C-alpha atoms as a PDB file:
ATOM      1  CA  MET A   1      14.342   0.782  -3.033  1.00  0.00           C
ATOM      2  CA  ILE A   2      12.637   2.289  -0.566  1.00  0.00           C
ATOM      3  CA  ILE A   3       8.474   2.935  -1.626  1.00  0.00           C
ATOM      4  CA  LEU A   4       6.892   5.726   0.843  1.00  0.00           C
ATOM      5  CA  ASP A   5       3.099   6.105   0.648  1.00  0.00           C
ATOM      6  CA  HIS A   6       2.198   9.849   1.128  1.00  0.00           C
ATOM      7  CA  GLY A   7      -1.973   8.520   0.711  1.00  0.00           C
ATOM      8  CA  HIS A   8      -4.443   9.701  -1.943  1.00  0.00           C
ATOM      9  CA  ASP A   9      -2.788   7.801  -4.721  1.00  0.00           C
ATOM     10  CA  TYR A  10       0.908   9.829  -4.100  1.00  0.00           C
ATOM     11  CA  PHE A  11       4.010   7.796  -3.719  1.00  0.00           C
ATOM     12  CA  THR A  12       7.524   9.001  -3.643  1.00  0.00           C
ATOM     13  CA  LEU A  13      10.375   5.499  -4.787  1.00  0.00           C
ATOM     14  CA  TYR A  14      14.292   6.138  -3.357  1.00  0.00           C
ATOM     15  CA  ALA A  15      17.246   3.660  -5.189  1.00  0.00           C
ATOM     16  CA  HIS A  16      20.840   4.106  -4.884  1.00  0.00           C
ATOM     17  CA  VAL A  17      20.383   3.697  -0.264  1.00  0.00           C
ATOM     18  CA  ALA A  18      23.268   3.310   1.509  1.00  0.00           C
ATOM     19  CA  GLU A  19      21.561   2.728   4.614  1.00  0.00           C
ATOM     20  CA  ILE A  20      16.992   2.434   4.804  1.00  0.00           C
ATOM     21  CA  LEU A  21      16.603   3.513   8.011  1.00  0.00           C
ATOM     22  CA  VAL A  22      13.026   2.540   8.714  1.00  0.00           C
ATOM     23  CA  LYS A  23      10.779  -0.632   8.363  1.00  0.00           C
ATOM     24  CA  GLU A  24       7.756  -1.898   6.656  1.00  0.00           C
ATOM     25  CA  GLY A  25       4.594  -0.382   7.578  1.00  0.00           C
ATOM     26  CA  ASP A  26       6.618   2.949   9.414  1.00  0.00           C
ATOM     27  CA  GLU A  27       4.651   5.624  10.181  1.00  0.00           C
ATOM     28  CA  CYS A  28       7.394   8.806   8.581  1.00  0.00           C
ATOM     29  CA  ALA A  29       6.693  12.704   9.813  1.00  0.00           C
ATOM     30  CA  ARG A  30       8.497  14.323   7.273  1.00  0.00           C
ATOM     31  CA  GLY A  31      11.211  15.255   7.981  1.00  0.00           C
ATOM     32  CA  THR A  32      11.941  11.898   9.440  1.00  0.00           C
ATOM     33  CA  ARG A  33      15.745  10.379   7.654  1.00  0.00           C
ATOM     34  CA  SER A  34      14.357   7.220   5.911  1.00  0.00           C
ATOM     35  CA  ALA A  35      17.800   6.535   4.154  1.00  0.00           C
ATOM     36  CA  ARG A  36      21.063   6.797   3.884  1.00  0.00           C
ATOM     37  CA  ARG A  37      22.876   7.665   0.446  1.00  0.00           C
ATOM     38  CA  GLY A  38      24.588   4.832  -1.467  1.00  0.00           C
ATOM     39  CA  HIS A  39      26.506   5.504  -4.813  1.00  0.00           C
ATOM     40  CA  GLY A  40      25.156   4.269  -8.679  1.00  0.00           C
ATOM     41  CA  LEU A  41      26.999   3.266 -11.367  1.00  0.00           C
ATOM     42  CA  ALA A  42      28.187   6.465 -11.426  1.00  0.00           C
ATOM     43  CA  ARG A  43      31.175   7.390  -9.519  1.00  0.00           C
ATOM     44  CA  GLY A  44      29.938   8.900  -6.318  1.00  0.00           C
ATOM     45  CA  PRO A  45      26.919   9.857  -3.483  1.00  0.00           C
ATOM     46  CA  ARG A  46      22.852   9.260  -5.523  1.00  0.00           C
ATOM     47  CA  LEU A  47      19.897   9.113  -4.483  1.00  0.00           C
ATOM     48  CA  TYR A  48      17.051   8.727  -6.850  1.00  0.00           C
ATOM     49  CA  PHE A  49      14.371   9.867  -6.651  1.00  0.00           C
ATOM     50  CA  GLU A  50      10.515   9.493  -8.214  1.00  0.00           C
ATOM     51  CA  VAL A  51       7.510  10.939  -7.049  1.00  0.00           C
ATOM     52  CA  ARG A  52       4.640   8.864  -8.723  1.00  0.00           C
ATOM     53  CA  TYR A  53       0.315   9.140  -8.838  1.00  0.00           C
ATOM     54  CA  GLN A  54      -1.293   6.644  -9.724  1.00  0.00           C
ATOM     55  CA  GLY A  55       1.275   4.848 -10.974  1.00  0.00           C
ATOM     56  CA  LYS A  56       2.673   6.870 -13.652  1.00  0.00           C
ATOM     57  CA  PRO A  57       5.592   9.141 -12.772  1.00  0.00           C
ATOM     58  CA  GLN A  58       5.359  12.743 -12.206  1.00  0.00           C
ATOM     59  CA  ASP A  59       7.140  16.067 -13.070  1.00  0.00           C
ATOM     60  CA  PRO A  60       8.916  16.101  -9.079  1.00  0.00           C
ATOM     61  CA  GLU A  61       9.573  19.612  -9.131  1.00  0.00           C
ATOM     62  CA  GLN A  62       5.955  20.806  -7.758  1.00  0.00           C
ATOM     63  CA  TRP A  63       5.966  18.742  -5.830  1.00  0.00           C
ATOM     64  CA  LEU A  64       8.683  19.740  -4.065  1.00  0.00           C
ATOM     65  CA  ARG A  65       8.281  23.425  -3.881  1.00  0.00           C
ATOM     66  CA  GLN A  66       4.666  22.422  -2.167  1.00  0.00           C
ATOM     67  CA  GLN A  67       6.638  20.254   0.126  1.00  0.00           C
ATOM     68  CA  ARG A  68       9.030  23.526   0.807  1.00  0.00           C
ATOM     69  CA  GLY A  69       6.322  25.685   1.483  1.00  0.00           C
END
């Protein structure tokens, strides 16, 4: 699992990764690949993604729209 600190109490979590491409303390710019997806309990490639604000899970839809814009 990878946890990225975006500052201002925002974090993103990634799980079911096959390979981690960053290490603790790395600074990642937008577009940096942090991992290669792996396999979860279900068949086929999977990636677990979660956004947390102040430690609480958030609906990622709005957050992802802001990041794309």
